[in-house]
């Protein structure tokens, strides 16, 4: 059986310049902060990050934005991090704003192998620009395409050595969803426990989705 528990150095060796990265978290709650720190130290650049938001200048993925390591953000809002807005307006970083529910569904579509989702959200707004409109039973919908990542970095409150994950309370947010929609999934574990010791009825992420585990610093 593959050994999933690895060093931070080995885990982030899979993250390279120019990749698309799913990042779990909501305003930095449930964001894998130790992995973010390691990416800052590594200096990986030109990333496209897919996340609910860009957190704050000193927390979560906001630190990658401030450190000029991100070329594009796909998120539902950016208002809590003024650096994101500044870079968007001066043209140094591209920002694609996606309604929150649509963002979740686009990630879910990638995880389920779907060709996209149909939604009325965004019709008649800037969200519609450049997108296909499909009519179903007399109603118009936008075709929103899946968002898949090269790597997902996610956070687990309790993780066993096999890669089964429990995300406590609000840290669930985007973490279980994003774990399904990337080629490589790296989980940062706040607490690591022996394999098979977690109750299967309470797992948020199955080990089948997890490639590597690192321990929080």
Protein backbone atom coordinates (compact mmCIF):
# COMPACT_ATOMS: atom_id res chain seq x y z
CA UNK A 1 0.00 0.00 0.00
CA UNK A 2 1.25 3.45 -0.91
CA UNK A 3 2.70 5.47 1.96
CA UNK A 4 0.69 8.69 1.95
CA UNK A 5 2.30 10.44 4.92
CA UNK A 6 5.20 12.42 3.47
CA UNK A 7 7.40 15.39 4.27
CA UNK A 8 6.20 18.85 3.37
CA UNK A 9 9.06 19.14 0.88
CA UNK A 10 7.97 15.99 -0.95
CA UNK A 11 4.31 17.00 -0.93
CA UNK A 12 4.81 20.44 -2.45
CA UNK A 13 7.25 19.06 -5.02
CA UNK A 14 4.07 18.20 -6.93
CA UNK A 15 3.12 21.88 -7.15
CA UNK A 16 4.91 23.64 -9.99
CA UNK A 17 4.86 27.03 -11.66
CA UNK A 18 1.77 27.71 -13.74
CA UNK A 19 -0.45 25.04 -12.18
CA UNK A 20 -4.12 25.38 -11.24
CA UNK A 21 -4.62 24.78 -7.53
CA UNK A 22 -7.85 24.17 -5.61
CA UNK A 23 -7.53 25.58 -2.08
CA UNK A 24 -9.99 24.68 0.65
CA UNK A 25 -11.20 27.25 3.15
CA UNK A 26 -13.61 30.09 3.74
CA UNK A 27 -12.02 33.36 4.90
CA UNK A 28 -9.00 31.22 5.90
CA UNK A 29 -11.14 28.91 8.07
CA UNK A 30 -10.16 25.45 6.92
CA UNK A 31 -7.28 26.62 4.74
CA UNK A 32 -4.08 24.50 4.93
CA UNK A 33 -1.90 27.29 6.32
CA UNK A 34 1.26 25.17 6.70
CA UNK A 35 1.12 24.21 3.02
CA UNK A 36 0.58 27.85 2.04
CA UNK A 37 3.64 28.81 4.09
CA UNK A 38 5.69 26.11 2.38
CA UNK A 39 4.61 27.36 -1.06
CA UNK A 40 5.66 30.88 -0.12
CA UNK A 41 9.07 29.60 0.98
CA UNK A 42 9.40 27.57 -2.23
CA UNK A 43 8.51 30.58 -4.35
CA UNK A 44 6.29 28.72 -6.81
CA UNK A 45 4.70 31.29 -9.14
CA UNK A 46 2.16 31.99 -11.89
CA UNK A 47 -0.46 29.95 -10.07
CA UNK A 48 -4.16 29.92 -10.85
CA UNK A 49 -5.90 29.45 -7.52
CA UNK A 50 -9.50 28.36 -7.19
CA UNK A 51 -10.97 29.23 -3.81
CA UNK A 52 -14.09 30.64 -2.24
CA UNK A 53 -12.31 33.92 -1.47
CA UNK A 54 -8.84 35.39 -1.13
CA UNK A 55 -9.00 35.62 2.68
CA UNK A 56 -6.84 38.37 4.19
CA UNK A 57 -3.44 39.88 3.47
CA UNK A 58 -1.89 37.92 6.34
CA UNK A 59 -3.96 34.72 6.33
CA UNK A 60 -4.96 31.97 3.96
CA UNK A 61 -4.40 32.24 0.21
CA UNK A 62 -4.19 35.99 0.62
CA UNK A 63 -0.56 35.55 1.54
CA UNK A 64 0.14 34.02 -1.89
CA UNK A 65 -1.59 36.98 -3.53
CA UNK A 66 0.45 39.49 -1.53
CA UNK A 67 3.66 37.61 -2.39
CA UNK A 68 2.95 37.92 -6.14
CA UNK A 69 2.76 34.17 -6.71
CA UNK A 70 -0.71 34.16 -8.28
CA UNK A 71 -1.49 35.08 -11.90
CA UNK A 72 -5.22 34.33 -11.72
CA UNK A 73 -7.86 33.92 -9.02
CA UNK A 74 -11.20 32.18 -9.52
CA UNK A 75 -13.32 33.02 -6.48
CA UNK A 76 -16.73 34.15 -5.31
CA UNK A 77 -15.56 37.29 -3.50
CA UNK A 78 -12.38 39.26 -2.82
CA UNK A 79 -13.53 42.11 -0.60
CA UNK A 80 -11.67 41.05 2.55
CA UNK A 81 -8.28 41.28 0.82
CA UNK A 82 -7.60 44.75 -0.62
CA UNK A 83 -4.46 43.50 -2.37
CA UNK A 84 -6.57 41.28 -4.61
CA UNK A 85 -8.67 44.22 -5.76
CA UNK A 86 -5.59 46.38 -6.26
CA UNK A 87 -3.90 43.77 -8.45
CA UNK A 88 -7.11 43.21 -10.41
CA UNK A 89 -7.45 46.91 -11.18
CA UNK A 90 -3.80 47.48 -12.10
CA UNK A 91 -3.80 44.42 -14.36
CA UNK A 92 -1.09 42.46 -12.56
CA UNK A 93 -3.45 39.62 -11.66
CA UNK A 94 -6.57 38.29 -13.37
CA UNK A 95 -9.68 37.79 -11.25
CA UNK A 96 -12.67 35.72 -12.35
CA UNK A 97 -15.59 36.31 -10.00
CA UNK A 98 -18.05 33.43 -9.86
CA UNK A 99 -21.29 33.33 -7.83
CA UNK A 100 -20.62 31.17 -4.78
CA UNK A 101 -23.15 28.44 -5.55
CA UNK A 102 -22.01 28.32 -9.16
CA UNK A 103 -18.38 28.01 -8.05
CA UNK A 104 -19.26 25.04 -5.86
CA UNK A 105 -21.25 23.41 -8.65
CA UNK A 106 -18.47 23.90 -11.20
CA UNK A 107 -16.01 22.17 -8.89
CA UNK A 108 -18.55 19.43 -8.16
CA UNK A 109 -19.10 18.93 -11.89
CA UNK A 110 -15.38 18.34 -12.36
CA UNK A 111 -15.36 15.84 -9.52
CA UNK A 112 -18.34 13.97 -10.96
CA UNK A 113 -17.05 13.94 -14.52
CA UNK A 114 -19.87 16.13 -15.82
CA UNK A 115 -19.63 18.42 -18.82
CA UNK A 116 -20.92 21.37 -16.84
CA UNK A 117 -24.00 22.67 -15.03
CA UNK A 118 -26.95 24.77 -16.14
CA UNK A 119 -27.94 27.72 -13.97
CA UNK A 120 -30.02 30.88 -14.36
CA UNK A 121 -27.70 32.72 -11.97
CA UNK A 122 -25.87 35.47 -13.80
CA UNK A 123 -28.21 35.82 -16.77
CA UNK A 124 -28.27 39.41 -17.95
CA UNK A 125 -25.14 40.34 -15.98
CA UNK A 126 -21.39 40.44 -16.65
CA UNK A 127 -21.30 36.80 -15.50
CA UNK A 128 -23.01 35.90 -18.79
CA UNK A 129 -20.28 37.35 -21.02
CA UNK A 130 -18.70 34.78 -23.31
CA UNK A 131 -20.87 31.90 -22.09
CA UNK A 132 -23.27 29.68 -23.93
CA UNK A 133 -26.98 30.09 -23.20
CA UNK A 134 -29.05 26.91 -23.36
CA UNK A 135 -32.83 26.83 -23.39
CA UNK A 136 -34.63 24.02 -21.56
CA UNK A 137 -38.45 23.81 -21.59
CA UNK A 138 -38.68 27.47 -22.45
CA UNK A 139 -36.25 28.65 -19.74
CA UNK A 140 -32.79 30.03 -20.40
CA UNK A 141 -29.72 28.88 -18.51
CA UNK A 142 -26.01 29.61 -18.58
CA UNK A 143 -23.73 26.66 -19.26
CA UNK A 144 -21.07 26.81 -16.56
CA UNK A 145 -18.14 24.53 -17.29
CA UNK A 146 -16.30 22.35 -14.75
CA UNK A 147 -13.27 23.62 -12.86
CA UNK A 148 -10.65 20.93 -12.39
CA UNK A 149 -7.26 21.48 -10.79
CA UNK A 150 -3.82 19.98 -11.16
CA UNK A 151 -3.51 19.85 -7.37
CA UNK A 152 -5.90 20.40 -4.45
CA UNK A 153 -4.51 21.48 -1.10
CA UNK A 154 -7.02 20.91 1.68
CA UNK A 155 -7.25 20.82 5.45
CA UNK A 156 -8.37 18.03 7.74
CA UNK A 157 -8.99 18.33 11.45
CA UNK A 158 -8.39 14.61 12.00
CA UNK A 159 -6.76 12.41 9.36
CA UNK A 160 -5.79 8.77 9.57
CA UNK A 161 -2.65 7.39 7.96
CA UNK A 162 -4.72 5.89 5.13
CA UNK A 163 -5.98 9.35 4.13
CA UNK A 164 -9.50 9.29 5.56
CA UNK A 165 -10.44 12.79 6.70
CA UNK A 166 -12.74 14.47 9.19
CA UNK A 167 -13.21 18.22 8.76
CA UNK A 168 -14.64 19.62 11.98
CA UNK A 169 -17.55 22.05 11.92
CA UNK A 170 -17.17 24.98 9.51
CA UNK A 171 -13.81 23.77 8.18
CA UNK A 172 -15.86 21.47 5.95
CA UNK A 173 -16.77 24.37 3.63
CA UNK A 174 -15.01 23.70 0.29
CA UNK A 175 -12.54 21.04 1.47
CA UNK A 176 -14.53 17.83 0.76
CA UNK A 177 -15.71 19.19 -2.58
CA UNK A 178 -12.28 20.19 -3.84
CA UNK A 179 -10.78 16.86 -2.84
CA UNK A 180 -12.80 15.22 -5.62
CA UNK A 181 -11.74 17.50 -8.45
CA UNK A 182 -7.95 17.46 -8.81
CA UNK A 183 -5.32 15.15 -10.25
CA UNK A 184 -3.33 15.22 -6.99
CA UNK A 185 -4.78 15.86 -3.52
CA UNK A 186 -2.63 16.91 -0.57
CA UNK A 187 -4.21 16.99 2.88
CA UNK A 188 -2.78 18.94 5.79
CA UNK A 189 -3.66 17.14 9.03
CA UNK A 190 -4.09 19.02 12.29
CA UNK A 191 -4.24 15.64 14.06
CA UNK A 192 -2.91 12.38 12.65
CA UNK A 193 -4.27 9.05 13.92
CA UNK A 194 -3.64 5.37 13.03
CA UNK A 195 -5.23 3.98 9.89
CA UNK A 196 -8.70 2.59 10.37
CA UNK A 197 -9.31 4.34 13.69
CA UNK A 198 -11.91 6.78 12.36
CA UNK A 199 -15.60 5.91 12.27
CA UNK A 200 -16.53 5.46 8.58
CA UNK A 201 -19.95 6.99 9.29
CA UNK A 202 -18.33 10.31 10.17
CA UNK A 203 -15.80 10.74 7.38
CA UNK A 204 -15.97 13.87 5.27
CA UNK A 205 -13.38 12.74 2.71
CA UNK A 206 -12.59 9.16 1.76
CA UNK A 207 -9.01 8.01 1.41
CA UNK A 208 -9.68 7.14 -2.24
CA UNK A 209 -9.35 10.85 -3.05
CA UNK A 210 -6.18 11.54 -1.04
CA UNK A 211 -2.68 11.13 -2.46
CA UNK A 212 -0.48 12.73 0.21
CA UNK A 213 -0.74 13.73 3.86
CA UNK A 214 1.39 16.29 5.68
CA UNK A 215 1.24 17.24 9.35
CA UNK A 216 0.43 20.82 10.32
CA UNK A 217 3.40 22.71 11.73
